Amino acid sequence: MATLTKYGSTKRFGPRYGRRVKEKFGKIEKERNESSTCPQCRKTRMKRLASGIWSCKKCNIKMAGGAYIIRKIATEAKESE
């Protein structure tokens, strides 16, 4: 008998698309919905408004970034300046 794995929000796909694809998609979707750290005020209040558009709920800054997660390289480059 096959073992059951928890896919989180990807259970809605049922038996379609395969295990690996659903695991990758679930990881991306989880990271997309989490709050990220704002590069200006350093609070974890950045939320995704649309694909590549991020907004901080504390300091009301809007910025462009990655489609699903804020690019860590861009925030690290700003820190070093």
PDB file of N, CA and C in Angstrom:
ATOM      1  N   MET A   1       0.845  -1.177   0.000  1.00  0.00           N
ATOM      2  CA  MET A   1       0.000   0.000   0.000  1.00  0.00           C
ATOM      3  C   MET A   1       0.885   1.234   0.000  1.00  0.00           C
ATOM      4  N   ALA A   2       0.528   2.226  -0.775  1.00  0.00           N
ATOM      5  CA  ALA A   2       1.305   3.457  -0.889  1.00  0.00           C
ATOM      6  C   ALA A   2       1.152   4.292   0.375  1.00  0.00           C
ATOM      7  N   THR A   3       2.223   5.010   0.707  1.00  0.00           N
ATOM      8  CA  THR A   3       2.152   5.898   1.861  1.00  0.00           C
ATOM      9  C   THR A   3       1.568   7.232   1.418  1.00  0.00           C
ATOM     10  N   LEU A   4       0.869   7.865   2.319  1.00  0.00           N
ATOM     11  CA  LEU A   4       0.260   9.154   2.009  1.00  0.00           C
ATOM     12  C   LEU A   4       1.218  10.276   2.389  1.00  0.00           C
ATOM     13  N   THR A   5       1.374  11.219   1.522  1.00  0.00           N
ATOM     14  CA  THR A   5       2.176  12.398   1.817  1.00  0.00           C
ATOM     15  C   THR A   5       1.260  13.604   1.870  1.00  0.00           C
ATOM     16  N   LYS A   6       1.645  14.583   2.673  1.00  0.00           N
ATOM     17  CA  LYS A   6       0.839  15.791   2.798  1.00  0.00           C
ATOM     18  C   LYS A   6       1.352  16.816   1.804  1.00  0.00           C
ATOM     19  N   TYR A   7       0.467  17.274   0.951  1.00  0.00           N
ATOM     20  CA  TYR A   7       0.841  18.232  -0.076  1.00  0.00           C
ATOM     21  C   TYR A   7       0.397  19.646   0.267  1.00  0.00           C
ATOM     22  N   GLY A   8      -0.303  19.838   1.360  1.00  0.00           N
ATOM     23  CA  GLY A   8      -0.756  21.176   1.709  1.00  0.00           C
ATOM     24  C   GLY A   8      -1.829  21.663   0.765  1.00  0.00           C
ATOM     25  N   SER A   9      -1.588  22.810   0.165  1.00  0.00           N
ATOM     26  CA  SER A   9      -2.597  23.423  -0.686  1.00  0.00           C
ATOM     27  C   SER A   9      -2.719  22.749  -2.047  1.00  0.00           C
ATOM     28  N   THR A  10      -1.804  21.856  -2.383  1.00  0.00           N
ATOM     29  CA  THR A  10      -1.856  21.203  -3.697  1.00  0.00           C
ATOM     30  C   THR A  10      -2.737  19.959  -3.681  1.00  0.00           C
ATOM     31  N   LYS A  11      -3.407  19.679  -2.596  1.00  0.00           N
ATOM     32  CA  LYS A  11      -4.342  18.555  -2.559  1.00  0.00           C
ATOM     33  C   LYS A  11      -5.477  18.765  -3.543  1.00  0.00           C
ATOM     34  N   ARG A  12      -5.734  20.021  -3.895  1.00  0.00           N
ATOM     35  CA  ARG A  12      -6.840  20.325  -4.808  1.00  0.00           C
ATOM     36  C   ARG A  12      -6.629  19.740  -6.200  1.00  0.00           C
ATOM     37  N   PHE A  13      -5.370  19.356  -6.539  1.00  0.00           N
ATOM     38  CA  PHE A  13      -5.097  18.787  -7.847  1.00  0.00           C
ATOM     39  C   PHE A  13      -5.384  17.295  -7.909  1.00  0.00           C
ATOM     40  N   GLY A  14      -5.587  16.661  -6.763  1.00  0.00           N
ATOM     41  CA  GLY A  14      -5.904  15.244  -6.730  1.00  0.00           C
ATOM     42  C   GLY A  14      -4.762  14.397  -7.276  1.00  0.00           C
ATOM     43  N   PRO A  15      -5.056  13.380  -8.079  1.00  0.00           N
ATOM     44  CA  PRO A  15      -4.006  12.498  -8.591  1.00  0.00           C
ATOM     45  C   PRO A  15      -3.284  13.041  -9.825  1.00  0.00           C
ATOM     46  N   ARG A  16      -3.641  14.236 -10.277  1.00  0.00           N
ATOM     47  CA  ARG A  16      -3.029  14.794 -11.492  1.00  0.00           C
ATOM     48  C   ARG A  16      -1.652  15.395 -11.224  1.00  0.00           C
ATOM     49  N   TYR A  17      -0.826  15.465 -12.231  1.00  0.00           N
ATOM     50  CA  TYR A  17       0.452  16.177 -12.320  1.00  0.00           C
ATOM     51  C   TYR A  17       1.641  15.507 -11.639  1.00  0.00           C
ATOM     52  N   GLY A  18       1.484  14.588 -10.740  1.00  0.00           N
ATOM     53  CA  GLY A  18       2.608  13.878 -10.149  1.00  0.00           C
ATOM     54  C   GLY A  18       3.101  14.487  -8.848  1.00  0.00           C
ATOM     55  N   ARG A  19       3.841  13.682  -8.113  1.00  0.00           N
ATOM     56  CA  ARG A  19       4.291  14.059  -6.781  1.00  0.00           C
ATOM     57  C   ARG A  19       5.301  15.196  -6.796  1.00  0.00           C
ATOM     58  N   ARG A  20       6.325  15.089  -7.632  1.00  0.00           N
ATOM     59  CA  ARG A  20       7.397  16.097  -7.634  1.00  0.00           C
ATOM     60  C   ARG A  20       6.898  17.470  -8.042  1.00  0.00           C
ATOM     61  N   VAL A  21       6.069  17.519  -9.051  1.00  0.00           N
ATOM     62  CA  VAL A  21       5.540  18.793  -9.517  1.00  0.00           C
ATOM     63  C   VAL A  21       4.704  19.448  -8.424  1.00  0.00           C
ATOM     64  N   LYS A  22       3.877  18.639  -7.751  1.00  0.00           N
ATOM     65  CA  LYS A  22       3.049  19.195  -6.683  1.00  0.00           C
ATOM     66  C   LYS A  22       3.882  19.653  -5.495  1.00  0.00           C
ATOM     67  N   GLU A  23       4.956  18.939  -5.176  1.00  0.00           N
ATOM     68  CA  GLU A  23       5.822  19.363  -4.074  1.00  0.00           C
ATOM     69  C   GLU A  23       6.514  20.682  -4.391  1.00  0.00           C
ATOM     70  N   LYS A  24       7.016  20.832  -5.624  1.00  0.00           N
ATOM     71  CA  LYS A  24       7.669  22.085  -6.025  1.00  0.00           C
ATOM     72  C   LYS A  24       6.677  23.243  -6.018  1.00  0.00           C
ATOM     73  N   PHE A  25       5.497  23.005  -6.573  1.00  0.00           N
ATOM     74  CA  PHE A  25       4.478  24.042  -6.613  1.00  0.00           C
ATOM     75  C   PHE A  25       4.037  24.430  -5.206  1.00  0.00           C
ATOM     76  N   GLY A  26       3.899  23.453  -4.313  1.00  0.00           N
ATOM     77  CA  GLY A  26       3.505  23.727  -2.939  1.00  0.00           C
ATOM     78  C   GLY A  26       4.546  24.569  -2.215  1.00  0.00           C
ATOM     79  N   LYS A  27       5.829  24.291  -2.462  1.00  0.00           N
ATOM     80  CA  LYS A  27       6.896  25.077  -1.837  1.00  0.00           C
ATOM     81  C   LYS A  27       6.860  26.523  -2.322  1.00  0.00           C
ATOM     82  N   ILE A  28       6.696  26.721  -3.627  1.00  0.00           N
ATOM     83  CA  ILE A  28       6.627  28.071  -4.188  1.00  0.00           C
ATOM     84  C   ILE A  28       5.409  28.821  -3.651  1.00  0.00           C
ATOM     85  N   GLU A  29       4.276  28.139  -3.594  1.00  0.00           N
ATOM     86  CA  GLU A  29       3.056  28.778  -3.126  1.00  0.00           C
ATOM     87  C   GLU A  29       3.155  29.153  -1.648  1.00  0.00           C
ATOM     88  N   LYS A  30       3.803  28.326  -0.860  1.00  0.00           N
ATOM     89  CA  LYS A  30       3.976  28.625   0.556  1.00  0.00           C
ATOM     90  C   LYS A  30       4.869  29.854   0.743  1.00  0.00           C
ATOM     91  N   GLU A  31       5.982  29.919   0.011  1.00  0.00           N
ATOM     92  CA  GLU A  31       6.880  31.067   0.106  1.00  0.00           C
ATOM     93  C   GLU A  31       6.214  32.340  -0.398  1.00  0.00           C
ATOM     94  N   ARG A  32       5.392  32.219  -1.427  1.00  0.00           N
ATOM     95  CA  ARG A  32       4.719  33.381  -1.995  1.00  0.00           C
ATOM     96  C   ARG A  32       3.758  34.017  -1.006  1.00  0.00           C
ATOM     97  N   ASN A  33       3.079  33.211  -0.205  1.00  0.00           N
ATOM     98  CA  ASN A  33       2.065  33.724   0.701  1.00  0.00           C
ATOM     99  C   ASN A  33       2.616  34.173   2.047  1.00  0.00           C
ATOM    100  N   GLU A  34       3.875  33.891   2.355  1.00  0.00           N
ATOM    101  CA  GLU A  34       4.461  34.325   3.616  1.00  0.00           C
ATOM    102  C   GLU A  34       4.872  35.783   3.546  1.00  0.00           C
ATOM    103  N   SER A  35       4.946  36.432   4.699  1.00  0.00           N
ATOM    104  CA  SER A  35       5.457  37.797   4.754  1.00  0.00           C
ATOM    105  C   SER A  35       6.969  37.769   4.641  1.00  0.00           C
ATOM    106  N   SER A  36       7.525  38.775   3.976  1.00  0.00           N
ATOM    107  CA  SER A  36       8.964  38.868   3.802  1.00  0.00           C
ATOM    108  C   SER A  36       9.484  40.102   4.519  1.00  0.00           C
ATOM    109  N   THR A  37      10.799  40.202   4.648  1.00  0.00           N
ATOM    110  CA  THR A  37      11.419  41.320   5.333  1.00  0.00           C
ATOM    111  C   THR A  37      11.540  42.512   4.398  1.00  0.00           C
ATOM    112  N   CYS A  38      11.139  43.662   4.868  1.00  0.00           N
ATOM    113  CA  CYS A  38      11.227  44.898   4.092  1.00  0.00           C
ATOM    114  C   CYS A  38      12.675  45.381   4.087  1.00  0.00           C
ATOM    115  N   PRO A  39      13.232  45.729   2.930  1.00  0.00           N
ATOM    116  CA  PRO A  39      14.617  46.196   2.892  1.00  0.00           C
ATOM    117  C   PRO A  39      14.805  47.595   3.466  1.00  0.00           C
ATOM    118  N   GLN A  40      13.723  48.368   3.624  1.00  0.00           N
ATOM    119  CA  GLN A  40      13.851  49.724   4.133  1.00  0.00           C
ATOM    120  C   GLN A  40      13.683  49.792   5.649  1.00  0.00           C
ATOM    121  N   CYS A  41      12.594  49.213   6.183  1.00  0.00           N
ATOM    122  CA  CYS A  41      12.328  49.313   7.626  1.00  0.00           C
ATOM    123  C   CYS A  41      12.691  48.050   8.399  1.00  0.00           C
ATOM    124  N   ARG A  42      13.097  46.974   7.709  1.00  0.00           N
ATOM    125  CA  ARG A  42      13.548  45.710   8.310  1.00  0.00           C
ATOM    126  C   ARG A  42      12.465  44.974   9.111  1.00  0.00           C
ATOM    127  N   LYS A  43      11.205  45.235   8.827  1.00  0.00           N
ATOM    128  CA  LYS A  43      10.114  44.502   9.460  1.00  0.00           C
ATOM    129  C   LYS A  43       9.619  43.426   8.499  1.00  0.00           C
ATOM    130  N   THR A  44       9.036  42.387   9.043  1.00  0.00           N
ATOM    131  CA  THR A  44       8.515  41.314   8.189  1.00  0.00           C
ATOM    132  C   THR A  44       7.069  41.622   7.825  1.00  0.00           C
ATOM    133  N   ARG A  45       6.888  42.668   7.032  1.00  0.00           N
ATOM    134  CA  ARG A  45       5.551  43.107   6.641  1.00  0.00           C
ATOM    135  C   ARG A  45       5.377  43.230   5.136  1.00  0.00           C
ATOM    136  N   MET A  46       6.328  42.737   4.334  1.00  0.00           N
ATOM    137  CA  MET A  46       6.217  42.806   2.877  1.00  0.00           C
ATOM    138  C   MET A  46       5.254  41.729   2.402  1.00  0.00           C
ATOM    139  N   LYS A  47       4.292  42.130   1.591  1.00  0.00           N
ATOM    140  CA  LYS A  47       3.331  41.198   1.012  1.00  0.00           C
ATOM    141  C   LYS A  47       3.317  41.379  -0.497  1.00  0.00           C
ATOM    142  N   ARG A  48       2.991  40.334  -1.197  1.00  0.00           N
ATOM    143  CA  ARG A  48       2.934  40.348  -2.652  1.00  0.00           C
ATOM    144  C   ARG A  48       1.593  40.907  -3.103  1.00  0.00           C
ATOM    145  N   LEU A  49       1.619  41.964  -3.902  1.00  0.00           N
ATOM    146  CA  LEU A  49       0.390  42.533  -4.444  1.00  0.00           C
ATOM    147  C   LEU A  49       0.010  41.868  -5.760  1.00  0.00           C
ATOM    148  N   ALA A  50       1.001  41.705  -6.627  1.00  0.00           N
ATOM    149  CA  ALA A  50       0.809  41.070  -7.923  1.00  0.00           C
ATOM    150  C   ALA A  50       2.139  40.433  -8.295  1.00  0.00           C
ATOM    151  N   SER A  51       2.219  39.862  -9.465  1.00  0.00           N
ATOM    152  CA  SER A  51       3.447  39.207  -9.893  1.00  0.00           C
ATOM    153  C   SER A  51       4.580  40.222  -9.999  1.00  0.00           C
ATOM    154  N   GLY A  52       5.542  40.139  -9.079  1.00  0.00           N
ATOM    155  CA  GLY A  52       6.703  41.016  -9.097  1.00  0.00           C
ATOM    156  C   GLY A  52       6.513  42.339  -8.390  1.00  0.00           C
ATOM    157  N   ILE A  53       5.353  42.616  -7.795  1.00  0.00           N
ATOM    158  CA  ILE A  53       5.108  43.868  -7.087  1.00  0.00           C
ATOM    159  C   ILE A  53       4.894  43.558  -5.614  1.00  0.00           C
ATOM    160  N   TRP A  54       5.704  44.187  -4.765  1.00  0.00           N
ATOM    161  CA  TRP A  54       5.694  43.953  -3.331  1.00  0.00           C
ATOM    162  C   TRP A  54       5.412  45.252  -2.599  1.00  0.00           C
ATOM    163  N   SER A  55       4.721  45.174  -1.475  1.00  0.00           N
ATOM    164  CA  SER A  55       4.371  46.353  -0.706  1.00  0.00           C
ATOM    165  C   SER A  55       4.590  46.064   0.780  1.00  0.00           C
ATOM    166  N   CYS A  56       5.141  47.068   1.481  1.00  0.00           N
ATOM    167  CA  CYS A  56       5.334  46.953   2.934  1.00  0.00           C
ATOM    168  C   CYS A  56       4.138  47.603   3.617  1.00  0.00           C
ATOM    169  N   LYS A  57       3.535  46.896   4.556  1.00  0.00           N
ATOM    170  CA  LYS A  57       2.362  47.414   5.246  1.00  0.00           C
ATOM    171  C   LYS A  57       2.733  48.420   6.328  1.00  0.00           C
ATOM    172  N   LYS A  58       4.001  48.461   6.746  1.00  0.00           N
ATOM    173  CA  LYS A  58       4.417  49.385   7.786  1.00  0.00           C
ATOM    174  C   LYS A  58       4.839  50.726   7.212  1.00  0.00           C
ATOM    175  N   CYS A  59       5.781  50.719   6.246  1.00  0.00           N
ATOM    176  CA  CYS A  59       6.311  51.983   5.721  1.00  0.00           C
ATOM    177  C   CYS A  59       5.718  52.365   4.367  1.00  0.00           C
ATOM    178  N   ASN A  60       4.750  51.596   3.866  1.00  0.00           N
ATOM    179  CA  ASN A  60       4.016  51.883   2.623  1.00  0.00           C
ATOM    180  C   ASN A  60       4.917  52.041   1.402  1.00  0.00           C
ATOM    181  N   ILE A  61       6.032  51.333   1.356  1.00  0.00           N
ATOM    182  CA  ILE A  61       6.899  51.355   0.185  1.00  0.00           C
ATOM    183  C   ILE A  61       6.431  50.275  -0.783  1.00  0.00           C
ATOM    184  N   LYS A  62       6.457  50.580  -2.065  1.00  0.00           N
ATOM    185  CA  LYS A  62       6.173  49.585  -3.092  1.00  0.00           C
ATOM    186  C   LYS A  62       7.444  49.394  -3.886  1.00  0.00           C
ATOM    187  N   MET A  63       7.735  48.154  -4.237  1.00  0.00           N
ATOM    188  CA  MET A  63       8.951  47.874  -4.987  1.00  0.00           C
ATOM    189  C   MET A  63       8.734  46.693  -5.909  1.00  0.00           C
ATOM    190  N   ALA A  64       9.603  46.596  -6.894  1.00  0.00           N
ATOM    191  CA  ALA A  64       9.587  45.459  -7.801  1.00  0.00           C
ATOM    192  C   ALA A  64      10.569  44.423  -7.279  1.00  0.00           C
ATOM    193  N   GLY A  65      10.246  43.169  -7.477  1.00  0.00           N
ATOM    194  CA  GLY A  65      11.110  42.092  -7.020  1.00  0.00           C
ATOM    195  C   GLY A  65      10.846  40.852  -7.845  1.00  0.00           C
ATOM    196  N   GLY A  66      11.104  39.714  -7.238  1.00  0.00           N
ATOM    197  CA  GLY A  66      10.857  38.458  -7.928  1.00  0.00           C
ATOM    198  C   GLY A  66       9.369  38.197  -8.052  1.00  0.00           C
ATOM    199  N   ALA A  67       9.002  37.297  -8.929  1.00  0.00           N
ATOM    200  CA  ALA A  67       7.589  37.015  -9.162  1.00  0.00           C
ATOM    201  C   ALA A  67       6.932  36.333  -7.968  1.00  0.00           C
ATOM    202  N   TYR A  68       7.650  35.422  -7.308  1.00  0.00           N
ATOM    203  CA  TYR A  68       7.051  34.667  -6.211  1.00  0.00           C
ATOM    204  C   TYR A  68       7.682  34.966  -4.862  1.00  0.00           C
ATOM    205  N   ILE A  69       8.957  35.311  -4.829  1.00  0.00           N
ATOM    206  CA  ILE A  69       9.623  35.698  -3.592  1.00  0.00           C
ATOM    207  C   ILE A  69      10.458  36.940  -3.867  1.00  0.00           C
ATOM    208  N   ILE A  70      10.678  37.751  -2.832  1.00  0.00           N
ATOM    209  CA  ILE A  70      11.560  38.905  -2.997  1.00  0.00           C
ATOM    210  C   ILE A  70      12.955  38.357  -3.198  1.00  0.00           C
ATOM    211  N   ARG A  71      13.636  38.849  -4.189  1.00  0.00           N
ATOM    212  CA  ARG A  71      14.971  38.329  -4.477  1.00  0.00           C
ATOM    213  C   ARG A  71      15.923  38.699  -3.360  1.00  0.00           C
ATOM    214  N   LYS A  72      16.526  37.669  -2.779  1.00  0.00           N
ATOM    215  CA  LYS A  72      17.449  37.878  -1.669  1.00  0.00           C
ATOM    216  C   LYS A  72      18.699  38.626  -2.120  1.00  0.00           C
ATOM    217  N   ILE A  73      19.121  38.423  -3.355  1.00  0.00           N
ATOM    218  CA  ILE A  73      20.334  39.065  -3.874  1.00  0.00           C
ATOM    219  C   ILE A  73      20.132  40.582  -3.922  1.00  0.00           C
ATOM    220  N   ALA A  74      18.963  41.041  -4.330  1.00  0.00           N
ATOM    221  CA  ALA A  74      18.699  42.464  -4.429  1.00  0.00           C
ATOM    222  C   ALA A  74      18.701  43.115  -3.049  1.00  0.00           C
ATOM    223  N   THR A  75      18.128  42.437  -2.039  1.00  0.00           N
ATOM    224  CA  THR A  75      18.100  43.023  -0.706  1.00  0.00           C
ATOM    225  C   THR A  75      19.474  43.009  -0.072  1.00  0.00           C
ATOM    226  N   GLU A  76      20.286  41.982  -0.351  1.00  0.00           N
ATOM    227  CA  GLU A  76      21.646  41.945   0.185  1.00  0.00           C
ATOM    228  C   GLU A  76      22.512  43.028  -0.443  1.00  0.00           C
ATOM    229  N   ALA A  77      22.327  43.312  -1.728  1.00  0.00           N
ATOM    230  CA  ALA A  77      23.106  44.343  -2.401  1.00  0.00           C
ATOM    231  C   ALA A  77      22.777  45.715  -1.812  1.00  0.00           C
ATOM    232  N   LYS A  78      21.536  45.954  -1.452  1.00  0.00           N
ATOM    233  CA  LYS A  78      21.142  47.218  -0.861  1.00  0.00           C
ATOM    234  C   LYS A  78      21.734  47.377   0.533  1.00  0.00           C
ATOM    235  N   GLU A  79      21.847  46.287   1.278  1.00  0.00           N
ATOM    236  CA  GLU A  79      22.422  46.321   2.622  1.00  0.00           C
ATOM    237  C   GLU A  79      23.886  46.706   2.597  1.00  0.00           C
ATOM    238  N   SER A  80      24.627  46.266   1.579  1.00  0.00           N
ATOM    239  CA  SER A  80      26.053  46.502   1.547  1.00  0.00           C
ATOM    240  C   SER A  80      26.402  47.940   1.156  1.00  0.00           C
ATOM    241  N   GLU A  81      25.433  48.698   0.600  1.00  0.00           N
ATOM    242  CA  GLU A  81      25.716  50.070   0.186  1.00  0.00           C
ATOM    243  C   GLU A  81      25.747  51.032   1.335  1.00  0.00           C
TER     244      GLU A  81
END
